[in-house]
Amino acid sequence: MQYSHEVEQMCCVKKGCDHGPSPIPEEGKWVYAKEIKDISGLTHGVGGCAPQQGACKLTLNIKEGIIKEALIETIGCSGMTHSAAMAAEILPGKTLLEALNTDLVCDAINVAMRELFKQIVYGRSQSAFSDSGLPIGGGLEDLGKGLRSQIGTMYSTDTKGVRYLEMTEGYVTRMALKEGEVIGYEYVNLSKLMQYITEGMEGKEALSKATNHYGRFNEADEYIVPRKS
């Protein structure tokens, strides 16, 4: 260690107190985090890219400083899906600090990683107070039974009003109107549809079985197809 001449000429004053780091809550216990290996928890981070064209939600499950599970969800940019595929290969097995300093291919994913890092090192993880944290695989619970991202896509104009395109339940096929106002919608659960088709069911039957509706759908006096009407 090199010291300047001025520092070398100084006398030594002893440190009076040293309380160490403040404890943070993680996985059901209070931890005095001094090294990356002291950090554990499952948490989420959201980031956007520089031109604000797309966004990423990143979920990481970290055990003793090492990323054991990663869920990467992107929206708004076609290139981000490929970036997410690469980042999903890159992240598991890295330490939290390595991941923070790794190029995750896409601005939005990098920003999400930064935000997630800040949350988890300050004890703001989702599993802060859950005993032993969440098992590897806990990140998949965000996707639900169908293992699809929770997506809502709506479009509207001042002159023509709103169009429901996609809900958490699925792909919206028809909107139900009464006196011109929306009172419900019909949707196709794409996870169930693909499951039925891969099991050998005929397309029309699978589509019918995977179709459902929400709201006062049967009370409508008009039905419109949101992508056409």
Protein backbone atom coordinates (compact mmCIF):
# COMPACT_ATOMS: atom_id res chain seq x y z
CA MET A 1 0.00 0.00 0.00
CA GLN A 2 1.43 3.39 -0.94
CA TYR A 3 0.90 6.46 1.22
CA SER A 4 1.64 10.09 0.38
CA HIS A 5 4.40 11.91 2.23
CA GLU A 6 1.80 14.01 4.07
CA VAL A 7 -0.01 10.94 5.40
CA GLU A 8 3.24 9.27 6.46
CA GLN A 9 4.07 12.30 8.62
CA MET A 10 0.74 12.15 10.48
CA CYS A 11 0.45 10.69 13.98
CA CYS A 12 -1.95 7.77 14.55
CA VAL A 13 -5.33 8.30 16.20
CA LYS A 14 -7.10 5.13 17.31
CA LYS A 15 -10.60 4.34 16.11
CA GLY A 16 -12.97 4.68 19.03
CA CYS A 17 -15.99 2.71 17.84
CA ASP A 18 -16.82 0.41 14.97
CA HIS A 19 -20.38 -0.88 14.92
CA GLY A 20 -20.04 -2.69 11.60
CA PRO A 21 -22.82 -2.85 9.00
CA SER A 22 -26.48 -2.56 9.89
CA PRO A 23 -28.26 -5.92 9.80
CA ILE A 24 -30.55 -6.62 6.86
CA PRO A 25 -33.46 -9.08 6.79
CA GLU A 26 -33.03 -12.02 4.45
CA GLU A 27 -34.59 -15.47 4.42
CA GLY A 28 -35.99 -15.30 7.93
CA LYS A 29 -32.92 -13.96 9.72
CA TRP A 30 -30.96 -10.76 10.31
CA VAL A 31 -27.64 -10.74 8.46
CA TYR A 32 -24.59 -8.49 8.86
CA ALA A 33 -23.56 -8.48 5.21
CA LYS A 34 -19.83 -7.93 4.73
CA GLU A 35 -19.23 -10.07 1.65
CA ILE A 36 -21.25 -11.10 -1.39
CA LYS A 37 -21.59 -14.64 0.01
CA ASP A 38 -23.59 -13.18 2.90
CA ILE A 39 -26.44 -12.21 0.54
CA SER A 40 -29.44 -14.49 -0.08
CA GLY A 41 -33.00 -13.88 -1.24
CA LEU A 42 -35.49 -13.86 -4.10
CA THR A 43 -36.48 -10.51 -5.52
CA HIS A 44 -37.51 -8.63 -8.67
CA GLY A 45 -36.19 -5.65 -10.59
CA VAL A 46 -37.61 -3.66 -13.51
CA GLY A 47 -35.61 -1.71 -16.07
CA GLY A 48 -36.07 0.18 -19.31
CA CYS A 49 -33.68 0.76 -22.21
CA ALA A 50 -32.15 4.13 -23.15
CA PRO A 51 -34.69 4.97 -25.91
CA GLN A 52 -37.51 3.77 -23.60
CA GLN A 53 -38.71 1.38 -26.28
CA GLY A 54 -38.95 -1.71 -24.11
CA ALA A 55 -38.82 -2.96 -20.54
CA CYS A 56 -37.59 -5.98 -18.60
CA LYS A 57 -38.73 -7.58 -15.38
CA LEU A 58 -35.93 -9.66 -13.88
CA THR A 59 -36.43 -12.17 -11.05
CA LEU A 60 -33.42 -13.75 -9.36
CA ASN A 61 -33.18 -16.36 -6.62
CA ILE A 62 -29.84 -15.90 -4.86
CA LYS A 63 -28.31 -18.31 -2.36
CA GLU A 64 -25.13 -17.32 -0.51
CA GLY A 65 -24.25 -14.71 -3.11
CA ILE A 66 -24.72 -17.00 -6.13
CA ILE A 67 -27.57 -16.73 -8.62
CA LYS A 68 -29.34 -20.08 -8.66
CA GLU A 69 -32.46 -19.17 -10.64
CA ALA A 70 -33.32 -16.46 -13.18
CA LEU A 71 -36.62 -15.44 -14.77
CA ILE A 72 -36.38 -12.79 -17.50
CA GLU A 73 -39.53 -11.24 -18.96
CA THR A 74 -39.35 -8.56 -21.66
CA ILE A 75 -41.92 -6.51 -23.49
CA GLY A 76 -42.05 -3.88 -26.22
CA CYS A 77 -39.03 -4.74 -28.36
CA SER A 78 -38.49 -7.75 -30.61
CA GLY A 79 -34.72 -7.78 -30.10
CA MET A 80 -35.11 -7.98 -26.34
CA THR A 81 -36.46 -11.51 -26.52
CA HIS A 82 -33.17 -12.71 -28.02
CA SER A 83 -31.23 -10.68 -25.46
CA ALA A 84 -33.25 -12.33 -22.71
CA ALA A 85 -32.40 -15.76 -24.09
CA MET A 86 -28.69 -14.97 -23.86
CA ALA A 87 -28.97 -13.34 -20.43
CA ALA A 88 -30.82 -16.40 -19.12
CA GLU A 89 -27.82 -18.52 -20.06
CA ILE A 90 -25.35 -16.02 -18.61
CA LEU A 91 -26.83 -15.33 -15.17
CA PRO A 92 -27.16 -18.66 -13.28
CA GLY A 93 -23.95 -19.63 -11.48
CA LYS A 94 -22.60 -16.08 -11.32
CA THR A 95 -22.14 -14.20 -8.06
CA LEU A 96 -24.37 -11.18 -7.53
CA LEU A 97 -21.37 -8.88 -8.04
CA GLU A 98 -20.31 -10.66 -11.24
CA ALA A 99 -23.81 -10.30 -12.64
CA LEU A 100 -23.87 -6.59 -11.84
CA ASN A 101 -20.69 -6.12 -13.86
CA THR A 102 -21.65 -8.40 -16.77
CA ASP A 103 -23.02 -7.15 -20.08
CA LEU A 104 -26.48 -8.71 -20.18
CA VAL A 105 -26.84 -7.81 -23.88
CA CYS A 106 -29.79 -5.41 -23.49
CA ASP A 107 -29.98 -2.02 -21.73
CA ALA A 108 -33.29 -2.86 -20.10
CA ILE A 109 -31.97 -6.12 -18.63
CA ASN A 110 -28.83 -4.36 -17.38
CA VAL A 111 -30.93 -1.66 -15.70
CA ALA A 112 -33.19 -4.29 -14.13
CA MET A 113 -30.07 -6.04 -12.78
CA ARG A 114 -28.86 -2.78 -11.26
CA GLU A 115 -32.20 -2.08 -9.58
CA LEU A 116 -32.45 -5.64 -8.30
CA PHE A 117 -28.92 -5.45 -6.86
CA LYS A 118 -29.81 -2.35 -4.87
CA GLN A 119 -32.94 -3.98 -3.48
CA ILE A 120 -31.36 -7.21 -2.39
CA VAL A 121 -28.20 -5.78 -0.78
CA TYR A 122 -30.40 -3.47 1.30
CA GLY A 123 -32.62 -6.32 2.44
CA ARG A 124 -35.64 -5.49 0.28
CA SER A 125 -36.03 -9.01 -1.10
CA GLN A 126 -39.42 -10.66 -1.48
CA SER A 127 -38.24 -13.51 0.73
CA ALA A 128 -36.73 -11.27 3.45
CA PHE A 129 -38.91 -12.70 6.20
CA SER A 130 -39.60 -16.20 4.86
CA ASP A 131 -37.72 -18.90 6.76
CA SER A 132 -34.94 -20.33 4.56
CA GLY A 133 -36.22 -18.29 1.61
CA LEU A 134 -37.88 -19.75 -1.46
CA PRO A 135 -36.72 -23.01 -3.05
CA ILE A 136 -35.14 -23.00 -6.49
CA GLY A 137 -38.18 -22.95 -8.76
CA GLY A 138 -39.96 -20.29 -6.75
CA GLY A 139 -39.48 -17.81 -9.58
CA LEU A 140 -41.79 -19.84 -11.80
CA GLU A 141 -44.70 -19.00 -9.49
CA ASP A 142 -44.75 -15.53 -11.05
CA LEU A 143 -45.92 -17.13 -14.28
CA GLY A 144 -48.83 -19.10 -12.86
CA LYS A 145 -50.00 -22.53 -13.98
CA GLY A 146 -49.75 -21.73 -17.67
CA LEU A 147 -46.11 -20.63 -17.40
CA ARG A 148 -46.76 -17.43 -19.34
CA SER A 149 -45.92 -13.85 -18.43
CA GLN A 150 -48.70 -11.75 -16.94
CA ILE A 151 -49.38 -9.44 -19.88
CA GLY A 152 -52.02 -6.80 -20.45
CA THR A 153 -52.19 -5.12 -23.87
CA MET A 154 -54.76 -2.37 -24.43
CA TYR A 155 -55.08 0.17 -27.22
CA SER A 156 -57.37 3.18 -27.47
CA THR A 157 -57.99 6.33 -29.49
CA ASP A 158 -59.99 9.44 -28.73
CA THR A 159 -62.31 8.91 -31.67
CA LYS A 160 -62.83 5.13 -31.59
CA GLY A 161 -62.38 4.25 -27.92
CA VAL A 162 -60.70 1.28 -26.28
CA ARG A 163 -59.66 -2.13 -27.63
CA TYR A 164 -58.77 -4.99 -25.27
CA LEU A 165 -56.08 -7.09 -26.97
CA GLU A 166 -54.65 -9.32 -24.25
CA MET A 167 -55.39 -9.95 -20.59
CA THR A 168 -53.75 -12.14 -17.97
CA GLU A 169 -56.37 -14.76 -18.80
CA GLY A 170 -55.36 -14.83 -22.44
CA TYR A 171 -55.73 -13.49 -25.98
CA VAL A 172 -58.91 -11.41 -26.31
CA THR A 173 -61.05 -12.51 -29.26
CA ARG A 174 -64.25 -10.53 -28.71
CA MET A 175 -65.38 -7.55 -26.66
CA ALA A 176 -68.94 -7.39 -25.31
CA LEU A 177 -70.69 -4.01 -25.61
CA LYS A 178 -73.97 -2.76 -24.20
CA GLU A 179 -75.18 0.63 -25.37
CA GLY A 180 -71.67 1.11 -26.75
CA GLU A 181 -69.86 0.49 -23.45
CA VAL A 182 -67.62 -2.47 -22.63
CA ILE A 183 -69.21 -4.94 -20.20
CA GLY A 184 -67.05 -8.01 -20.76
CA TYR A 185 -64.77 -9.89 -23.11
CA GLU A 186 -64.07 -13.32 -24.56
CA TYR A 187 -60.57 -14.75 -24.46
CA VAL A 188 -58.51 -17.78 -25.43
CA ASN A 189 -56.20 -19.26 -22.81
CA LEU A 190 -53.17 -19.88 -25.02
CA SER A 191 -51.47 -22.21 -22.53
CA LYS A 192 -54.51 -24.50 -22.45
CA LEU A 193 -54.95 -24.24 -26.21
CA MET A 194 -51.41 -25.43 -26.88
CA GLN A 195 -51.72 -28.15 -24.27
CA TYR A 196 -54.89 -29.55 -25.90
CA ILE A 197 -53.37 -29.42 -29.40
CA THR A 198 -50.11 -31.12 -28.34
CA GLU A 199 -52.21 -33.83 -26.67
CA GLY A 200 -53.76 -34.56 -30.07
CA MET A 201 -57.05 -32.68 -29.88
CA GLU A 202 -58.41 -31.24 -33.14
CA GLY A 203 -57.83 -27.51 -33.59
CA LYS A 204 -61.47 -26.36 -33.51
CA GLU A 205 -62.29 -28.46 -30.49
CA ALA A 206 -59.16 -27.27 -28.69
CA LEU A 207 -60.01 -23.65 -29.48
CA SER A 208 -63.55 -24.08 -28.19
CA LYS A 209 -62.38 -25.76 -25.00
CA ALA A 210 -59.74 -23.08 -24.31
CA THR A 211 -62.19 -20.20 -24.88
CA ASN A 212 -63.94 -18.50 -21.98
CA HIS A 213 -65.36 -15.09 -21.11
CA TYR A 214 -65.33 -12.54 -18.33
CA GLY A 215 -67.77 -9.95 -17.04
CA ARG A 216 -71.40 -9.63 -18.20
CA PHE A 217 -70.49 -11.09 -21.57
CA ASN A 218 -73.86 -12.75 -22.24
CA GLU A 219 -75.81 -9.54 -21.58
CA ALA A 220 -74.24 -7.64 -24.49
CA ASP A 221 -76.25 -6.26 -27.39
CA GLU A 222 -73.15 -6.12 -29.62
CA TYR A 223 -69.88 -8.03 -29.94
CA ILE A 224 -66.79 -6.72 -31.72
CA VAL A 225 -63.46 -8.28 -32.72
CA PRO A 226 -60.92 -5.82 -31.23
CA ARG A 227 -58.27 -6.34 -33.91
CA LYS A 228 -60.71 -5.76 -36.79
CA SER A 229 -63.86 -3.90 -35.80
